[in-house]
Amino acid sequence: MEISLDIEFHSYIKLAEMARPIAYLTRKESISSCHRLHSPHLSDEENKAIYGKCNNFWGHGHNYTVEVTVRGPVDSAVLVGVHV
């Protein structure tokens, strides 16, 4: 359990300390992409010499993993399943 400190600036300063559990929700996804580096101003041989495997006619691929975490206080009034 974490302690949060909320500060609101209005015509006065309000400090509120609340002992509430903090939830972390993480979603991890994998994505793939491809590209081809090729200049129409160069010959096929020059493109291959300059760009190497990135000049492959069918493209050159990369795989990435993206992980996003959100953090927030647990609201005991709303304890339901959430589709993420």
Protein backbone atom coordinates (compact mmCIF):
# COMPACT_ATOMS: atom_id res chain seq x y z
CA MET A 1 0.00 0.00 0.00
CA GLU A 2 1.25 3.47 -0.89
CA ILE A 3 0.44 6.84 0.63
CA SER A 4 -0.64 9.52 -1.87
CA LEU A 5 -0.43 13.26 -1.34
CA ASP A 6 -2.85 15.39 -3.41
CA ILE A 7 -2.27 19.13 -3.63
CA GLU A 8 -4.89 21.45 -5.17
CA PHE A 9 -4.11 25.14 -5.72
CA HIS A 10 -7.16 27.42 -5.50
CA SER A 11 -7.63 30.49 -3.35
CA TYR A 12 -6.25 28.26 -0.62
CA ILE A 13 -3.98 25.22 -0.49
CA LYS A 14 -5.62 21.91 0.33
CA LEU A 15 -3.45 19.01 1.43
CA ALA A 16 -5.10 15.60 1.59
CA GLU A 17 -3.33 12.45 2.65
CA MET A 18 -5.11 9.20 1.89
CA ALA A 19 -4.00 5.63 2.55
CA ARG A 20 -5.37 3.79 -0.49
CA PRO A 21 -3.94 0.83 -2.34
CA ILE A 22 -2.30 1.66 -5.66
CA ALA A 23 -2.88 -0.60 -8.67
CA TYR A 24 -0.51 -1.08 -11.59
CA LEU A 25 -1.93 -2.44 -14.87
CA THR A 26 0.51 -3.53 -17.57
CA ARG A 27 -0.24 -4.59 -21.11
CA LYS A 28 2.44 -6.08 -23.33
CA GLU A 29 2.08 -6.38 -27.10
CA SER A 30 4.37 -7.48 -29.91
CA ILE A 31 4.35 -5.77 -33.28
CA SER A 32 6.21 -6.39 -36.53
CA SER A 33 7.18 -3.98 -39.26
CA CYS A 34 9.19 -4.04 -42.45
CA HIS A 35 10.79 -1.57 -44.80
CA ARG A 36 12.86 -1.45 -47.95
CA LEU A 37 15.55 1.11 -48.60
CA HIS A 38 15.79 1.72 -52.33
CA SER A 39 16.61 4.73 -54.49
CA PRO A 40 15.13 4.89 -58.00
CA HIS A 41 18.13 7.06 -58.95
CA LEU A 42 20.56 4.16 -58.41
CA SER A 43 21.02 0.84 -60.19
CA ASP A 44 20.00 -2.41 -58.48
CA GLU A 45 23.68 -3.17 -57.85
CA GLU A 46 24.32 0.27 -56.31
CA ASN A 47 21.24 -0.07 -54.09
CA LYS A 48 22.42 -3.49 -52.88
CA ALA A 49 25.94 -2.17 -52.23
CA ILE A 50 24.70 0.85 -50.26
CA TYR A 51 21.66 -0.56 -48.42
CA GLY A 52 22.61 -4.24 -48.07
CA LYS A 53 19.88 -6.48 -46.63
CA CYS A 54 17.59 -3.46 -46.24
CA ASN A 55 17.32 -3.39 -50.05
CA ASN A 56 15.71 -6.86 -50.21
CA PHE A 57 12.83 -6.75 -52.74
CA TRP A 58 10.42 -8.23 -50.19
CA GLY A 59 11.57 -5.90 -47.42
CA HIS A 60 13.57 -6.25 -44.23
CA GLY A 61 11.68 -6.89 -41.00
CA HIS A 62 11.88 -5.91 -37.36
CA ASN A 63 9.99 -7.16 -34.30
CA TYR A 64 9.24 -4.90 -31.37
CA THR A 65 7.75 -5.43 -27.93
CA VAL A 66 5.78 -2.56 -26.42
CA GLU A 67 4.92 -2.54 -22.72
CA VAL A 68 2.66 0.12 -21.19
CA THR A 69 1.95 0.45 -17.47
CA VAL A 70 -0.70 2.69 -15.93
CA ARG A 71 -0.87 3.44 -12.22
CA GLY A 72 -3.73 4.65 -10.08
CA PRO A 73 -5.58 4.30 -6.81
CA VAL A 74 -7.99 1.42 -6.36
CA ASP A 75 -11.62 2.52 -6.17
CA SER A 76 -13.35 0.02 -3.90
CA ALA A 77 -16.76 1.07 -5.26
CA VAL A 78 -15.84 -0.11 -8.76
CA LEU A 79 -14.31 -3.58 -8.49
CA VAL A 80 -15.29 -5.08 -11.85
CA GLY A 81 -13.41 -6.75 -14.67
CA VAL A 82 -12.08 -4.44 -17.36
CA HIS A 83 -11.26 -5.47 -20.93
CA VAL A 84 -7.93 -3.92 -21.94
